[in-house]
Amino acid sequence: MSSSPESANYFDSSHVLLYVRKWRKPLIVSTLAAGVLAAVFTAPFILKPKFKSSVVVFPATTNSVSKALLPQQFSSKGQDVMEFGDEQEAEQLLQILNSDEIRSRIVEKYDLMRHYDINPKSKTKFTQLNKAYEGNVQFRRTEFMSVVIEVLDTDPDTAALIANDIGELLNEVKNRIQKERALKGLQIVQTEYNALAAEIQGMDDEITLLRIRGVHDYETQSSVYSEQLATAIVERGPTHASVRIIQEKLDTLAKYGSQYIKLRDESKLLKEELVKLKTRLDQAKVDVNETLPVTFTVNRAFPAERKSTPKRSLIVLVAMASAFVFSLVVIILADSWRKTLALADREA
């Protein structure tokens, strides 16, 4: 199929460079206008610049102060208090950072409702507040298993203060959570320790009564009294008073001996358990009363000297490029449509 000159001209209109040259003035005007508008709408008096501050922390593996620092005679192997945590600990930190407790305390301390210019009478004030908070406060895990706390704010000092406070609250909140569990554990161990100590004391009281009755060391006394009885019978006769005295002592041993042995042996075993329980009790007290940082702080936040957003130069360049492309497409489509209508009129 042959093509007419008009058809050839129609296909020639697809050459972008020809259109750029032909319509250079409108393109330049639209591009510059877009750049000016972008510069105006990103000016500080319209779009306030924000400054970024960040804190970098590594999680610690230490969950129990007692296991990390005290001798572990009756429990599992202790932890290395200097060891960095892995992926699991980093994810735990992220969950705590996103907790309502940290958010609420930061919102309250810095009055973020007012700081973010949110109307306190609005029905959606808390939704707006949470959205603004999430837009300005970000947490992320790096490939090196560290956790980065990033805060954007129109005031560089406020951004740094919020970031540092969140880092401190992270330690505080996690320690509080662990202390609550440690306190419950201490109460359980303390109850068991008191009950076992009372049971042992009761046995010791019974043993004391048996000693008053003459049972001090069943095995030794039984051997000695038996030997003395045999000697007395041989030397003095079976009816001698000394023989009756020794026999009464042997009768006492026979009557209370088994009870004495049972109490003595059980008391010995329970005292060994009490020593172990005392160690656990001391460890539980340490976990309740002492704390260790749950993070290693690599970098603390400081007020930024340069703004982070908006990137005015980038926004202006993107706006100008977008305006240029859009204007060029509109011109090409409009000119092509005009030529198509003209071609149709001629053929008609």
Protein backbone atom coordinates (compact mmCIF):
# COMPACT_ATOMS: atom_id res chain seq x y z
CA MET A 1 0.00 0.00 0.00
CA SER A 2 1.41 3.37 -1.00
CA SER A 3 1.33 6.28 1.39
CA SER A 4 0.36 9.83 0.52
CA PRO A 5 2.51 12.87 1.32
CA GLU A 6 0.06 13.81 4.04
CA SER A 7 0.42 10.36 5.52
CA ALA A 8 4.18 10.68 5.41
CA ASN A 9 3.97 14.02 7.19
CA TYR A 10 1.69 12.41 9.75
CA PHE A 11 4.28 9.78 10.59
CA ASP A 12 7.02 12.43 10.59
CA SER A 13 5.22 14.10 13.49
CA SER A 14 6.35 11.27 15.76
CA HIS A 15 9.87 12.62 15.78
CA VAL A 16 10.25 14.08 19.23
CA LEU A 17 13.20 16.28 18.42
CA LEU A 18 11.26 18.06 15.70
CA TYR A 19 8.47 18.80 18.13
CA VAL A 20 10.91 19.98 20.79
CA ARG A 21 12.46 22.37 18.27
CA LYS A 22 9.14 23.52 16.91
CA TRP A 23 7.44 24.00 20.27
CA ARG A 24 10.47 24.98 22.28
CA LYS A 25 8.96 28.18 23.64
CA PRO A 26 5.83 26.61 25.19
CA LEU A 27 7.96 23.76 26.52
CA ILE A 28 10.43 26.15 28.12
CA VAL A 29 7.65 28.23 29.62
CA SER A 30 5.81 25.23 31.09
CA THR A 31 9.04 23.72 32.42
CA LEU A 32 10.17 26.94 34.07
CA ALA A 33 6.67 27.56 35.46
CA ALA A 34 6.65 24.09 37.03
CA GLY A 35 10.07 24.73 38.54
CA VAL A 36 9.00 28.06 39.99
CA LEU A 37 5.81 26.60 41.44
CA ALA A 38 7.69 23.67 42.96
CA ALA A 39 10.21 26.06 44.49
CA VAL A 40 7.43 28.22 45.91
CA PHE A 41 5.37 25.38 47.38
CA THR A 42 8.46 23.82 48.98
CA ALA A 43 9.59 27.11 50.49
CA PRO A 44 10.16 27.03 54.28
CA PHE A 45 7.23 29.34 54.97
CA ILE A 46 4.85 26.84 53.28
CA LEU A 47 6.49 23.44 53.74
CA LYS A 48 8.53 23.46 56.93
CA PRO A 49 11.89 21.70 56.63
CA LYS A 50 12.48 18.70 58.86
CA PHE A 51 15.71 17.57 60.49
CA LYS A 52 16.64 13.96 61.10
CA SER A 53 18.37 12.52 64.16
CA SER A 54 19.09 8.85 64.70
CA VAL A 55 20.22 6.45 67.41
CA VAL A 56 21.91 3.15 66.59
CA VAL A 57 21.77 0.32 69.13
CA PHE A 58 22.68 -3.35 69.19
CA PRO A 59 20.59 -5.79 71.24
CA ALA A 60 22.22 -7.61 74.14
CA THR A 61 21.77 -11.32 74.80
CA THR A 62 21.66 -10.88 78.57
CA ASN A 63 18.15 -11.43 79.93
CA SER A 64 19.03 -12.37 83.51
CA VAL A 65 21.50 -10.40 85.61
CA SER A 66 22.05 -13.32 87.97
CA LYS A 67 22.79 -15.79 85.17
CA ALA A 68 25.19 -13.34 83.57
CA LEU A 69 27.15 -12.35 86.67
CA LEU A 70 26.63 -14.84 89.54
CA PRO A 71 28.13 -18.35 89.90
CA GLN A 72 25.85 -20.96 88.37
CA GLN A 73 26.30 -23.91 90.74
CA PHE A 74 22.76 -25.17 90.56
CA SER A 75 21.42 -23.73 87.33
CA SER A 76 22.17 -23.55 83.64
CA LYS A 77 25.26 -22.06 82.11
CA GLY A 78 25.53 -18.31 82.49
CA GLN A 79 25.28 -15.78 79.68
CA ASP A 80 28.01 -13.55 78.34
CA VAL A 81 27.17 -10.05 79.49
CA MET A 82 29.33 -8.60 76.68
CA GLU A 83 27.78 -10.59 73.83
CA PHE A 84 25.71 -8.89 71.13
CA GLY A 85 22.27 -10.26 70.32
CA ASP A 86 21.15 -11.83 67.06
CA GLU A 87 18.10 -11.51 64.82
CA GLN A 88 15.66 -12.68 67.47
CA GLU A 89 16.78 -10.07 70.00
CA ALA A 90 16.70 -7.35 67.32
CA GLU A 91 13.11 -8.25 66.43
CA GLN A 92 12.19 -8.12 70.11
CA LEU A 93 13.59 -4.59 70.33
CA LEU A 94 11.52 -3.54 67.31
CA GLN A 95 8.36 -4.89 68.93
CA ILE A 96 9.07 -2.95 72.12
CA LEU A 97 9.89 0.22 70.17
CA ASN A 98 6.49 0.01 68.49
CA SER A 99 4.71 -0.50 71.81
CA ASP A 100 1.96 1.83 72.99
CA GLU A 101 3.86 2.53 76.21
CA ILE A 102 6.85 4.16 74.49
CA ARG A 103 4.61 6.05 72.07
CA SER A 104 2.36 7.35 74.85
CA ARG A 105 5.24 8.52 77.00
CA ILE A 106 6.90 10.35 74.12
CA VAL A 107 3.59 11.93 73.08
CA GLU A 108 2.94 13.08 76.63
CA LYS A 109 6.44 14.37 77.35
CA TYR A 110 6.75 16.45 74.18
CA ASP A 111 3.04 17.33 73.86
CA LEU A 112 3.03 16.04 70.29
CA MET A 113 -0.67 16.75 69.87
CA ARG A 114 0.13 20.45 69.99
CA HIS A 115 3.56 20.07 68.38
CA TYR A 116 2.04 18.44 65.29
CA ASP A 117 -0.72 21.09 65.12
CA ILE A 118 -3.54 18.59 65.65
CA ASN A 119 -6.89 19.97 66.76
CA PRO A 120 -7.57 18.45 70.21
CA LYS A 121 -11.32 18.76 69.56
CA SER A 122 -11.19 16.73 66.36
CA LYS A 123 -13.02 13.39 66.37
CA THR A 124 -10.04 11.77 64.65
CA LYS A 125 -7.34 13.45 66.72
CA PHE A 126 -5.75 10.18 67.87
CA THR A 127 -5.75 8.77 64.35
CA GLN A 128 -4.07 11.94 63.11
CA LEU A 129 -1.60 11.81 65.99
CA ASN A 130 -0.64 8.19 65.33
CA LYS A 131 -0.26 8.89 61.63
CA ALA A 132 1.96 11.91 62.29
CA TYR A 133 4.00 9.95 64.84
CA GLU A 134 4.53 7.04 62.47
CA GLY A 135 5.49 9.45 59.70
CA ASN A 136 8.13 11.16 61.83
CA VAL A 137 9.41 8.28 64.00
CA GLN A 138 10.77 5.21 62.25
CA PHE A 139 12.48 2.03 63.48
CA ARG A 140 14.35 -0.42 61.31
CA ARG A 141 16.73 -3.32 61.60
CA THR A 142 19.95 -3.25 59.62
CA GLU A 143 21.74 -6.13 57.93
CA PHE A 144 24.23 -6.11 60.81
CA MET A 145 21.46 -6.86 63.36
CA SER A 146 21.53 -3.36 64.81
CA VAL A 147 18.38 -1.30 65.30
CA VAL A 148 18.14 2.29 64.05
CA ILE A 149 15.80 4.83 65.66
CA GLU A 150 15.16 7.73 63.25
CA VAL A 151 13.21 10.86 64.19
CA LEU A 152 12.18 13.71 61.90
CA ASP A 153 11.12 17.05 63.31
CA THR A 154 10.96 20.69 62.33
CA ASP A 155 13.21 21.46 65.33
CA PRO A 156 16.62 19.71 65.19
CA ASP A 157 16.99 19.81 68.98
CA THR A 158 13.58 18.18 69.49
CA ALA A 159 14.40 15.46 66.96
CA ALA A 160 17.60 14.60 68.83
CA LEU A 161 15.91 14.67 72.23
CA ILE A 162 13.07 12.39 71.11
CA ALA A 163 15.47 9.90 69.51
CA ASN A 164 17.65 9.73 72.63
CA ASP A 165 14.61 9.43 74.91
CA ILE A 166 13.23 6.55 72.86
CA GLY A 167 16.58 4.78 73.18
CA GLU A 168 16.47 5.19 76.96
CA LEU A 169 12.82 4.15 77.16
CA LEU A 170 13.69 1.01 75.22
CA ASN A 171 15.96 -0.11 78.05
CA GLU A 172 13.48 1.00 80.70
CA VAL A 173 10.45 -0.74 79.21
CA LYS A 174 12.21 -4.03 78.54
CA ASN A 175 13.71 -4.06 82.03
CA ARG A 176 10.28 -3.36 83.49
CA ILE A 177 8.75 -6.26 81.58
CA GLN A 178 11.51 -8.59 82.74
CA LYS A 179 11.28 -7.30 86.33
CA GLU A 180 7.57 -8.08 86.47
CA ARG A 181 8.31 -11.67 85.52
CA ALA A 182 11.33 -11.82 87.84
CA LEU A 183 9.20 -10.51 90.74
CA LYS A 184 6.64 -13.25 90.19
CA GLY A 185 9.46 -15.80 90.10
CA LEU A 186 10.90 -14.36 93.33
CA GLN A 187 7.55 -14.69 95.06
CA ILE A 188 7.28 -18.34 94.01
CA VAL A 189 10.82 -19.20 95.12
CA GLN A 190 10.41 -17.27 98.38
CA THR A 191 7.21 -19.19 99.18
CA GLU A 192 8.88 -22.52 98.46
CA TYR A 193 11.93 -21.54 100.49
CA ASN A 194 9.85 -20.49 103.50
CA ALA A 195 7.78 -23.66 103.36
CA LEU A 196 10.86 -25.89 103.14
CA ALA A 197 12.64 -23.97 105.92
CA ALA A 198 9.57 -24.36 108.14
CA GLU A 199 9.43 -28.09 107.43
CA ILE A 200 13.11 -28.49 108.29
CA GLN A 201 12.66 -26.46 111.48
CA GLY A 202 9.81 -28.76 112.51
CA MET A 203 12.04 -31.80 111.99
CA ASP A 204 14.85 -30.18 113.96
CA ASP A 205 12.45 -29.49 116.82
CA GLU A 206 11.41 -33.16 116.87
CA ILE A 207 15.07 -34.24 116.82
CA THR A 208 15.73 -31.90 119.75
CA LEU A 209 12.97 -33.61 121.74
CA LEU A 210 14.47 -37.00 120.96
CA ARG A 211 17.86 -35.80 122.16
CA ILE A 212 16.27 -34.64 125.42
CA ARG A 213 15.01 -38.20 125.77
CA GLY A 214 18.55 -39.46 125.30
CA VAL A 215 18.78 -40.22 121.57
CA HIS A 216 21.75 -38.28 120.24
CA ASP A 217 23.47 -40.60 117.77
CA TYR A 218 21.61 -43.86 117.39
CA GLU A 219 24.32 -45.91 115.73
CA THR A 220 27.16 -44.85 118.06
CA GLN A 221 25.04 -45.00 121.20
CA SER A 222 23.62 -48.42 120.33
CA SER A 223 27.09 -49.85 119.78
CA VAL A 224 28.53 -48.32 122.95
CA TYR A 225 25.56 -49.28 125.17
CA SER A 226 25.55 -52.85 123.87
CA GLU A 227 29.25 -53.19 124.65
CA GLN A 228 28.80 -51.62 128.10
CA LEU A 229 25.84 -53.91 128.85
CA ALA A 230 27.79 -57.04 128.00
CA THR A 231 30.75 -55.92 130.14
CA ALA A 232 28.51 -55.01 133.08
CA ILE A 233 26.71 -58.37 132.98
CA VAL A 234 29.99 -60.24 132.92
CA GLU A 235 31.64 -58.18 135.65
CA ARG A 236 28.70 -57.35 137.95
CA GLY A 237 25.95 -59.79 137.11
CA PRO A 238 22.62 -59.33 135.30
CA THR A 239 20.84 -57.98 138.35
CA HIS A 240 23.21 -55.16 139.11
CA ALA A 241 21.80 -51.62 139.06
CA SER A 242 24.24 -50.48 136.38
CA VAL A 243 22.95 -53.20 134.10
CA ARG A 244 19.39 -51.93 134.53
CA ILE A 245 20.48 -48.37 133.76
CA ILE A 246 22.24 -49.40 130.57
CA GLN A 247 19.26 -51.56 129.57
CA GLU A 248 16.89 -48.61 130.02
CA LYS A 249 19.08 -46.53 127.69
CA LEU A 250 19.00 -49.32 125.13
CA ASP A 251 15.23 -49.53 125.45
CA THR A 252 14.98 -45.80 124.84
CA LEU A 253 17.12 -46.15 121.73
CA ALA A 254 14.96 -49.03 120.54
CA LYS A 255 11.78 -47.01 121.10
CA TYR A 256 12.87 -43.76 119.42
CA GLY A 257 15.76 -44.87 117.25
CA SER A 258 13.86 -45.46 114.01
CA GLN A 259 12.08 -42.13 114.33
CA TYR A 260 15.40 -40.39 114.98
CA ILE A 261 17.04 -41.98 111.92
CA LYS A 262 14.11 -41.07 109.70
CA LEU A 263 14.03 -37.46 110.85
CA ARG A 264 17.80 -37.10 110.68
CA ASP A 265 18.09 -38.49 107.14
CA GLU A 266 15.11 -36.54 105.79
CA SER A 267 16.38 -33.36 107.43
CA LYS A 268 19.78 -33.84 105.83
CA LEU A 269 18.26 -34.25 102.35
CA LEU A 270 15.93 -31.30 102.79
CA LYS A 271 18.78 -29.08 103.99
CA GLU A 272 20.67 -29.88 100.80
CA GLU A 273 17.59 -28.84 98.81
CA LEU A 274 17.29 -25.72 100.96
CA VAL A 275 20.84 -24.71 100.05
CA LYS A 276 19.98 -25.03 96.35
CA LEU A 277 16.75 -23.14 96.85
CA LYS A 278 18.61 -20.41 98.76
CA THR A 279 20.92 -19.97 95.78
CA ARG A 280 17.95 -19.61 93.46
CA LEU A 281 16.35 -17.19 95.89
CA ASP A 282 19.46 -15.01 95.92
CA GLN A 283 19.55 -15.07 92.12
CA ALA A 284 15.87 -14.09 91.92
CA LYS A 285 16.50 -11.16 94.29
CA VAL A 286 19.33 -9.96 92.07
CA ASP A 287 17.09 -10.15 88.98
CA VAL A 288 14.44 -8.07 90.76
CA ASN A 289 16.71 -5.47 92.35
CA GLU A 290 19.43 -5.05 89.71
CA THR A 291 19.33 -4.21 86.00
CA LEU A 292 21.65 -4.26 83.02
CA PRO A 293 21.21 -2.28 79.79
CA VAL A 294 19.41 -4.39 77.20
CA THR A 295 21.18 -2.59 74.35
CA PHE A 296 24.62 -1.45 73.31
CA THR A 297 24.34 2.16 72.13
CA VAL A 298 26.62 2.73 69.14
CA ASN A 299 25.54 6.26 68.22
CA ARG A 300 23.51 8.75 70.22
CA ALA A 301 21.42 11.36 68.44
CA PHE A 302 22.62 14.93 68.03
CA PRO A 303 20.92 17.98 66.49
CA ALA A 304 21.29 17.91 62.70
CA GLU A 305 22.95 20.89 61.07
CA ARG A 306 21.22 20.41 57.71
CA LYS A 307 17.62 19.63 56.91
CA SER A 308 16.65 16.17 55.74
CA THR A 309 13.39 16.99 54.00
CA PRO A 310 12.15 18.38 51.73
CA LYS A 311 14.87 18.03 49.07
CA ARG A 312 13.94 21.21 47.26
CA SER A 313 16.45 20.87 44.44
CA LEU A 314 15.33 17.31 43.73
CA ILE A 315 11.65 18.26 43.89
CA VAL A 316 12.20 21.19 41.52
CA LEU A 317 14.12 19.02 39.04
CA VAL A 318 11.47 16.29 39.14
CA ALA A 319 8.69 18.87 38.70
CA MET A 320 10.45 20.48 35.74
CA ALA A 321 11.15 17.13 34.08
CA SER A 322 7.57 15.99 34.63
CA ALA A 323 6.19 19.27 33.24
CA PHE A 324 8.44 19.03 30.19
CA VAL A 325 7.42 15.46 29.40
CA PHE A 326 3.74 16.11 30.06
CA SER A 327 3.72 19.25 27.93
CA LEU A 328 5.54 17.45 25.12
CA VAL A 329 3.08 14.56 25.15
CA VAL A 330 0.10 16.94 25.13
CA ILE A 331 1.56 18.91 22.20
CA ILE A 332 2.28 15.73 20.23
CA LEU A 333 -1.20 14.33 20.83
CA ALA A 334 -2.89 17.64 20.02
CA ASP A 335 -0.88 18.16 16.82
CA SER A 336 -1.41 14.57 15.75
CA TRP A 337 -5.15 14.88 16.32
CA ARG A 338 -5.24 18.12 14.36
CA LYS A 339 -3.39 16.56 11.45
CA THR A 340 -5.61 13.49 11.55
CA LEU A 341 -8.74 15.63 11.31
CA ALA A 342 -7.20 17.68 8.47
CA LEU A 343 -6.33 14.49 6.56
CA ALA A 344 -9.85 13.15 7.00
CA ASP A 345 -11.35 16.39 5.67
CA ARG A 346 -9.18 16.26 2.56
CA GLU A 347 -10.06 12.67 1.80
CA ALA A 348 -13.73 13.51 2.23
